[in-house]
Amino acid sequence: MTIREHPLAWRWTDPKYALLPDSVLAQMQPIEADEAARLFTHSLTLAGEDGLAPDVFTITTVRAEGLSQEAGCRWLRERQPDLSVRVVVSWEQHTALQTTWEVFTAHWDDFCYPSSDDVHVWPESERWVLLYHHEHEFQFGERPAA
């Protein structure tokens, strides 16, 4: 599957929503449904229905409602400054992709839609996890240093 075939491609390729440049789209790799399902199930071990577990993560929260794209980008990058980190972005059981933290943070408002999305974002290391709740809230959890 190409990014233009991804179930949420309209968010990044339809002028009614956003037209991301081809150079950005090339950095977004769709994950096939079976693997997306496995990753979604795994994401539930990182965060339960009530969000991140405070006994596992040091959690920082911010309301996304009314947050400008620039302010949201800045807040996210303050949490994780390494923009080259590759992350999984998972919406639901069959919908996920992989991209860089730079792409996600630069376009977070095209990945996270209020009132409809619960999004889990994490790097391969699982050193941290970002949750976007459809109630307009970001939770960023970082595991304590070993």
Protein backbone atom coordinates (compact mmCIF):
# COMPACT_ATOMS: atom_id res chain seq x y z
CA MET A 1 0.00 0.00 0.00
CA THR A 2 1.20 3.51 -0.76
CA ILE A 3 0.48 6.52 1.42
CA ARG A 4 -2.14 7.60 -1.09
CA GLU A 5 -3.93 4.26 -0.53
CA HIS A 6 -3.86 4.58 3.28
CA PRO A 7 -7.38 4.78 4.80
CA LEU A 8 -6.61 8.25 6.17
CA ALA A 9 -4.81 9.55 3.06
CA TRP A 10 -7.48 12.23 2.58
CA ARG A 11 -6.03 14.02 5.63
CA TRP A 12 -2.77 14.68 3.79
CA THR A 13 -3.75 14.60 0.09
CA ASP A 14 -7.13 16.32 -0.17
CA PRO A 15 -7.12 20.12 -0.53
CA LYS A 16 -10.23 20.32 1.70
CA TYR A 17 -8.03 19.12 4.59
CA ALA A 18 -4.30 19.38 3.85
CA LEU A 19 -1.96 18.98 0.91
CA LEU A 20 1.35 17.80 2.27
CA PRO A 21 4.30 18.00 -0.12
CA ASP A 22 5.46 14.80 -1.82
CA SER A 23 8.73 15.08 0.13
CA VAL A 24 6.73 14.75 3.38
CA LEU A 25 4.39 12.04 2.07
CA ALA A 26 7.47 10.02 1.08
CA GLN A 27 8.43 9.90 4.77
CA MET A 28 5.08 8.36 5.76
CA GLN A 29 4.99 4.58 5.35
CA PRO A 30 1.59 2.88 5.72
CA ILE A 31 1.45 -0.25 7.82
CA GLU A 32 -0.60 -3.14 6.43
CA ALA A 33 -3.79 -4.07 8.33
CA ASP A 34 -2.44 -7.25 9.99
CA GLU A 35 0.65 -5.50 11.33
CA ALA A 36 -1.42 -2.44 12.28
CA ALA A 37 -3.69 -4.73 14.33
CA ARG A 38 -0.67 -6.22 16.12
CA LEU A 39 0.72 -2.77 16.84
CA PHE A 40 -2.64 -1.48 18.05
CA THR A 41 -2.93 -4.40 20.48
CA HIS A 42 0.60 -3.67 21.65
CA SER A 43 -0.23 0.04 22.10
CA LEU A 44 -2.90 -0.99 24.61
CA THR A 45 -0.11 -2.43 26.80
CA LEU A 46 1.52 1.01 26.78
CA ALA A 47 -1.69 2.85 27.62
CA GLY A 48 -4.98 1.69 29.04
CA GLU A 49 -8.43 3.17 28.60
CA ASP A 50 -7.66 5.89 31.14
CA GLY A 51 -4.36 6.91 29.58
CA LEU A 52 -0.78 6.32 30.60
CA ALA A 53 -0.02 4.60 33.89
CA PRO A 54 1.71 6.99 36.32
CA ASP A 55 3.58 4.07 37.89
CA VAL A 56 5.26 3.34 34.53
CA PHE A 57 5.66 6.81 32.99
CA THR A 58 6.44 10.34 34.08
CA ILE A 59 3.50 12.10 32.45
CA THR A 60 3.11 15.61 31.09
CA THR A 61 -0.31 16.72 29.85
CA VAL A 62 -1.51 19.65 27.79
CA ARG A 63 -4.90 20.60 26.38
CA ALA A 64 -4.78 20.53 22.59
CA GLU A 65 -8.05 22.42 22.22
CA GLY A 66 -7.23 25.93 21.05
CA LEU A 67 -3.54 25.05 20.71
CA SER A 68 -2.12 26.57 17.54
CA GLN A 69 -0.24 24.31 15.17
CA GLU A 70 2.99 26.12 16.05
CA ALA A 71 2.44 25.94 19.82
CA GLY A 72 1.57 22.24 19.61
CA CYS A 73 4.66 21.56 17.52
CA ARG A 74 6.84 23.41 20.02
CA TRP A 75 5.33 21.56 23.02
CA LEU A 76 5.83 18.17 21.35
CA ARG A 77 9.43 18.95 20.38
CA GLU A 78 10.22 20.12 23.91
CA ARG A 79 9.20 16.65 25.10
CA GLN A 80 11.34 14.85 22.48
CA PRO A 81 13.90 17.01 20.70
CA ASP A 82 15.37 14.26 18.46
CA LEU A 83 13.38 14.84 15.28
CA SER A 84 14.99 11.93 13.41
CA VAL A 85 13.37 9.30 15.65
CA ARG A 86 11.08 6.99 13.69
CA VAL A 87 7.66 6.54 15.30
CA VAL A 88 4.60 4.39 14.89
CA VAL A 89 1.33 6.33 14.67
CA SER A 90 -1.68 4.13 15.48
CA TRP A 91 -5.30 5.26 15.29
CA GLU A 92 -7.25 2.05 15.63
CA GLN A 93 -7.01 -1.67 15.05
CA HIS A 94 -6.32 -1.59 11.31
CA THR A 95 -4.95 1.90 10.75
CA ALA A 96 -1.31 2.82 11.40
CA LEU A 97 1.76 4.23 9.72
CA GLN A 98 5.39 4.91 10.45
CA THR A 99 7.09 8.28 10.03
CA THR A 100 9.61 10.53 11.72
CA TRP A 101 8.98 12.58 14.83
CA GLU A 102 9.80 15.63 12.71
CA VAL A 103 6.97 14.90 10.27
CA PHE A 104 4.51 14.04 13.04
CA THR A 105 5.24 17.14 15.11
CA ALA A 106 5.27 19.48 12.10
CA HIS A 107 1.83 18.23 11.05
CA TRP A 108 0.36 16.96 14.32
CA ASP A 109 -2.98 18.63 13.66
CA ASP A 110 -3.33 16.61 10.43
CA PHE A 111 -2.72 13.39 12.36
CA CYS A 112 -4.92 14.19 15.39
CA TYR A 113 -8.54 15.12 14.78
CA PRO A 114 -10.59 16.29 17.76
CA SER A 115 -13.77 14.43 18.68
CA SER A 116 -12.85 11.39 16.58
CA ASP A 117 -9.25 10.32 17.14
CA ASP A 118 -7.43 8.51 19.87
CA VAL A 119 -3.87 8.31 18.62
CA HIS A 120 -0.89 6.45 20.08
CA VAL A 121 2.60 7.46 18.97
CA TRP A 122 5.81 5.76 20.09
CA PRO A 123 9.35 5.01 18.97
CA GLU A 124 10.78 1.52 18.60
CA SER A 125 12.62 1.95 21.93
CA GLU A 126 9.31 2.58 23.73
CA ARG A 127 11.25 4.99 25.92
CA TRP A 128 8.29 7.35 25.62
CA VAL A 129 4.68 7.36 24.40
CA LEU A 130 2.41 10.15 23.22
CA LEU A 131 -1.35 9.81 23.47
CA TYR A 132 -3.78 12.16 21.80
CA HIS A 133 -7.26 11.81 23.27
CA HIS A 134 -10.29 12.78 21.24
CA GLU A 135 -11.19 14.97 24.22
CA HIS A 136 -8.48 17.39 22.95
CA GLU A 137 -5.64 16.35 25.23
CA PHE A 138 -2.04 15.23 24.77
CA GLN A 139 -0.38 12.96 27.30
CA PHE A 140 3.35 12.49 26.92
CA GLY A 141 4.82 9.75 29.06
CA GLU A 142 8.51 9.10 29.51
CA ARG A 143 9.94 6.06 31.24
CA PRO A 144 12.29 6.92 34.11
CA ALA A 145 15.99 6.52 33.30
CA ALA A 146 17.28 3.09 34.30
